[in-house]
């Protein structure tokens, strides 16, 4: 399924950070496949394991589709920097959650699956 998307990181509401999953947000085409994916985020010469969401976070009243990349074990400021996100594998479809707590619980499951993918498929751990 490999696909790459480039863009400039834009500042949003910071909801990912508040939920414990800070993300780098870039624009995507309206016809981009929605869901949660395993992949990599490239920043200059670094290629970092990531979990990627594409869609509109409707639970928070947002209707604008975008790509949000949570880079594992990364802490840095990427605003206004160009990144490239490589999508490797889809984990699940996008869906609306009843509460922020339910979303965070699912994000933990998604993270565990994604980290397992990197460990099992590529032979290295992401933390």
C-alpha atoms as a PDB file:
ATOM      1  CA  UNK A   1       0.000   0.000   0.000  1.00  0.00           C
ATOM      2  CA  UNK A   2       2.999   2.347   0.159  1.00  0.00           C
ATOM      3  CA  UNK A   3       2.121   5.973  -0.494  1.00  0.00           C
ATOM      4  CA  UNK A   4       3.963   9.197   0.348  1.00  0.00           C
ATOM      5  CA  UNK A   5       2.455  12.572   1.175  1.00  0.00           C
ATOM      6  CA  UNK A   6       4.487  15.771   1.605  1.00  0.00           C
ATOM      7  CA  UNK A   7       3.431  18.939   3.294  1.00  0.00           C
ATOM      8  CA  UNK A   8       4.207  21.818   5.604  1.00  0.00           C
ATOM      9  CA  UNK A   9       3.266  21.184   9.240  1.00  0.00           C
ATOM     10  CA  UNK A  10       0.429  23.463  10.308  1.00  0.00           C
ATOM     11  CA  UNK A  11      -0.594  24.516  13.790  1.00  0.00           C
ATOM     12  CA  UNK A  12      -4.029  23.236  14.820  1.00  0.00           C
ATOM     13  CA  UNK A  13      -5.920  23.142  18.113  1.00  0.00           C
ATOM     14  CA  UNK A  14      -3.318  20.959  19.869  1.00  0.00           C
ATOM     15  CA  UNK A  15      -5.897  18.283  20.723  1.00  0.00           C
ATOM     16  CA  UNK A  16      -3.478  15.425  20.016  1.00  0.00           C
ATOM     17  CA  UNK A  17      -0.998  16.833  22.524  1.00  0.00           C
ATOM     18  CA  UNK A  18      -3.762  17.252  25.133  1.00  0.00           C
ATOM     19  CA  UNK A  19      -4.730  13.587  24.634  1.00  0.00           C
ATOM     20  CA  UNK A  20      -1.119  12.422  25.028  1.00  0.00           C
ATOM     21  CA  UNK A  21      -0.487  11.941  21.300  1.00  0.00           C
ATOM     22  CA  UNK A  22       1.101  15.062  19.785  1.00  0.00           C
ATOM     23  CA  UNK A  23       0.862  15.104  15.999  1.00  0.00           C
ATOM     24  CA  UNK A  24       2.381  16.836  12.997  1.00  0.00           C
ATOM     25  CA  UNK A  25      -0.550  17.963  10.814  1.00  0.00           C
ATOM     26  CA  UNK A  26      -0.403  18.445   7.053  1.00  0.00           C
ATOM     27  CA  UNK A  27      -3.013  18.937   4.359  1.00  0.00           C
ATOM     28  CA  UNK A  28      -4.222  16.029   2.201  1.00  0.00           C
ATOM     29  CA  UNK A  29      -6.346  15.755  -0.910  1.00  0.00           C
ATOM     30  CA  UNK A  30     -10.085  15.436  -0.341  1.00  0.00           C
ATOM     31  CA  UNK A  31     -10.042  11.961  -1.918  1.00  0.00           C
ATOM     32  CA  UNK A  32      -7.264  10.601   0.346  1.00  0.00           C
ATOM     33  CA  UNK A  33      -8.068   7.223   1.920  1.00  0.00           C
ATOM     34  CA  UNK A  34      -9.224   7.739   5.522  1.00  0.00           C
ATOM     35  CA  UNK A  35      -8.199   5.689   8.525  1.00  0.00           C
ATOM     36  CA  UNK A  36      -5.343   4.903  10.872  1.00  0.00           C
ATOM     37  CA  UNK A  37      -2.097   3.703   9.320  1.00  0.00           C
ATOM     38  CA  UNK A  38       1.426   2.542  10.167  1.00  0.00           C
ATOM     39  CA  UNK A  39       4.236   4.398   8.435  1.00  0.00           C
ATOM     40  CA  UNK A  40       7.199   6.705   8.652  1.00  0.00           C
ATOM     41  CA  UNK A  41       7.646  10.438   8.936  1.00  0.00           C
ATOM     42  CA  UNK A  42      10.717  11.904   7.250  1.00  0.00           C
ATOM     43  CA  UNK A  43      12.166  15.095   8.676  1.00  0.00           C
ATOM     44  CA  UNK A  44      15.251  16.224   6.739  1.00  0.00           C
ATOM     45  CA  UNK A  45      17.506  13.126   6.894  1.00  0.00           C
ATOM     46  CA  UNK A  46      15.636  11.266   9.653  1.00  0.00           C
ATOM     47  CA  UNK A  47      13.043   8.558   8.978  1.00  0.00           C
ATOM     48  CA  UNK A  48      10.949   7.941  12.105  1.00  0.00           C
ATOM     49  CA  UNK A  49       8.329   5.252  12.866  1.00  0.00           C
ATOM     50  CA  UNK A  50       4.865   6.780  13.130  1.00  0.00           C
ATOM     51  CA  UNK A  51       1.175   6.128  13.461  1.00  0.00           C
ATOM     52  CA  UNK A  52      -0.848   8.185  11.022  1.00  0.00           C
ATOM     53  CA  UNK A  53      -4.464   9.348  10.997  1.00  0.00           C
ATOM     54  CA  UNK A  54      -6.127  10.628   7.841  1.00  0.00           C
ATOM     55  CA  UNK A  55      -9.598  12.102   8.089  1.00  0.00           C
ATOM     56  CA  UNK A  56     -11.636  14.750   9.877  1.00  0.00           C
ATOM     57  CA  UNK A  57     -11.706  14.386  13.676  1.00  0.00           C
ATOM     58  CA  UNK A  58     -15.496  14.636  13.825  1.00  0.00           C
ATOM     59  CA  UNK A  59     -15.705  13.970  17.561  1.00  0.00           C
ATOM     60  CA  UNK A  60     -14.262  17.445  18.038  1.00  0.00           C
ATOM     61  CA  UNK A  61     -16.599  19.054  15.507  1.00  0.00           C
ATOM     62  CA  UNK A  62     -13.969  19.212  12.789  1.00  0.00           C
ATOM     63  CA  UNK A  63     -15.044  18.594   9.194  1.00  0.00           C
ATOM     64  CA  UNK A  64     -11.715  19.327   7.470  1.00  0.00           C
ATOM     65  CA  UNK A  65      -9.794  16.235   6.343  1.00  0.00           C
ATOM     66  CA  UNK A  66      -6.103  16.221   7.171  1.00  0.00           C
ATOM     67  CA  UNK A  67      -3.162  13.958   7.911  1.00  0.00           C
ATOM     68  CA  UNK A  68      -1.931  13.752  11.504  1.00  0.00           C
ATOM     69  CA  UNK A  69       1.327  11.905  12.158  1.00  0.00           C
ATOM     70  CA  UNK A  70       2.226  10.849  15.695  1.00  0.00           C
ATOM     71  CA  UNK A  71       5.961  10.191  15.597  1.00  0.00           C
ATOM     72  CA  UNK A  72       6.969   7.610  18.187  1.00  0.00           C
ATOM     73  CA  UNK A  73       9.269   8.849  20.947  1.00  0.00           C
ATOM     74  CA  UNK A  74       9.739  12.265  19.296  1.00  0.00           C
ATOM     75  CA  UNK A  75       9.696  15.587  21.067  1.00  0.00           C
ATOM     76  CA  UNK A  76      10.353  18.591  18.891  1.00  0.00           C
ATOM     77  CA  UNK A  77       8.795  21.555  17.146  1.00  0.00           C
ATOM     78  CA  UNK A  78       7.882  20.815  13.531  1.00  0.00           C
ATOM     79  CA  UNK A  79       5.581  23.781  12.867  1.00  0.00           C
ATOM     80  CA  UNK A  80       6.196  25.322   9.432  1.00  0.00           C
ATOM     81  CA  UNK A  81       8.688  22.574   8.516  1.00  0.00           C
ATOM     82  CA  UNK A  82       8.271  20.290   5.516  1.00  0.00           C
ATOM     83  CA  UNK A  83       7.784  16.601   6.256  1.00  0.00           C
ATOM     84  CA  UNK A  84       7.092  13.552   4.140  1.00  0.00           C
ATOM     85  CA  UNK A  85       4.833  10.831   5.478  1.00  0.00           C
ATOM     86  CA  UNK A  86       5.095   7.330   4.026  1.00  0.00           C
ATOM     87  CA  UNK A  87       2.023   5.190   4.590  1.00  0.00           C
ATOM     88  CA  UNK A  88       2.753   1.466   4.723  1.00  0.00           C
ATOM     89  CA  UNK A  89      -0.237  -0.375   6.159  1.00  0.00           C
ATOM     90  CA  UNK A  90      -3.810   0.426   7.203  1.00  0.00           C
ATOM     91  CA  UNK A  91      -4.761  -0.558  10.756  1.00  0.00           C
ATOM     92  CA  UNK A  92      -8.422   0.476  10.768  1.00  0.00           C
ATOM     93  CA  UNK A  93     -11.059   2.771   9.303  1.00  0.00           C
ATOM     94  CA  UNK A  94     -11.795   6.244  10.644  1.00  0.00           C
ATOM     95  CA  UNK A  95     -14.697   6.344  13.068  1.00  0.00           C
ATOM     96  CA  UNK A  96     -16.370   8.712  15.508  1.00  0.00           C
ATOM     97  CA  UNK A  97     -16.012   7.996  19.235  1.00  0.00           C
ATOM     98  CA  UNK A  98     -18.489   8.650  22.033  1.00  0.00           C
ATOM     99  CA  UNK A  99     -15.940  10.397  24.262  1.00  0.00           C
ATOM    100  CA  UNK A 100     -12.334  11.568  24.447  1.00  0.00           C
ATOM    101  CA  UNK A 101     -11.678   8.699  26.877  1.00  0.00           C
ATOM    102  CA  UNK A 102     -12.953   6.117  24.360  1.00  0.00           C
ATOM    103  CA  UNK A 103     -10.778   7.708  21.658  1.00  0.00           C
ATOM    104  CA  UNK A 104      -7.663   7.592  23.877  1.00  0.00           C
ATOM    105  CA  UNK A 105      -8.324   3.916  24.693  1.00  0.00           C
ATOM    106  CA  UNK A 106      -8.513   3.135  20.963  1.00  0.00           C
ATOM    107  CA  UNK A 107      -5.375   5.204  20.331  1.00  0.00           C
ATOM    108  CA  UNK A 108      -3.532   3.046  22.872  1.00  0.00           C
ATOM    109  CA  UNK A 109      -4.654  -0.082  20.997  1.00  0.00           C
ATOM    110  CA  UNK A 110      -3.589   1.475  17.681  1.00  0.00           C
ATOM    111  CA  UNK A 111      -0.202   2.445  19.129  1.00  0.00           C
ATOM    112  CA  UNK A 112       0.391  -1.082  20.454  1.00  0.00           C
ATOM    113  CA  UNK A 113      -0.460  -2.543  17.031  1.00  0.00           C
ATOM    114  CA  UNK A 114       1.811  -0.088  15.229  1.00  0.00           C
ATOM    115  CA  UNK A 115       4.746  -0.640  17.586  1.00  0.00           C
ATOM    116  CA  UNK A 116       4.202  -4.383  17.190  1.00  0.00           C
ATOM    117  CA  UNK A 117       4.331  -3.982  13.416  1.00  0.00           C
ATOM    118  CA  UNK A 118       7.729  -2.281  13.575  1.00  0.00           C
ATOM    119  CA  UNK A 119       9.060  -4.862  16.021  1.00  0.00           C
ATOM    120  CA  UNK A 120       7.741  -7.950  14.209  1.00  0.00           C
ATOM    121  CA  UNK A 121       8.125  -6.862  10.595  1.00  0.00           C
ATOM    122  CA  UNK A 122      11.267  -4.801  10.740  1.00  0.00           C
ATOM    123  CA  UNK A 123      13.032  -6.353  13.713  1.00  0.00           C
ATOM    124  CA  UNK A 124      13.427  -3.215  15.802  1.00  0.00           C
ATOM    125  CA  UNK A 125      11.591  -1.803  18.756  1.00  0.00           C
ATOM    126  CA  UNK A 126      10.156   1.700  18.960  1.00  0.00           C
ATOM    127  CA  UNK A 127      10.174   1.963  22.720  1.00  0.00           C
END
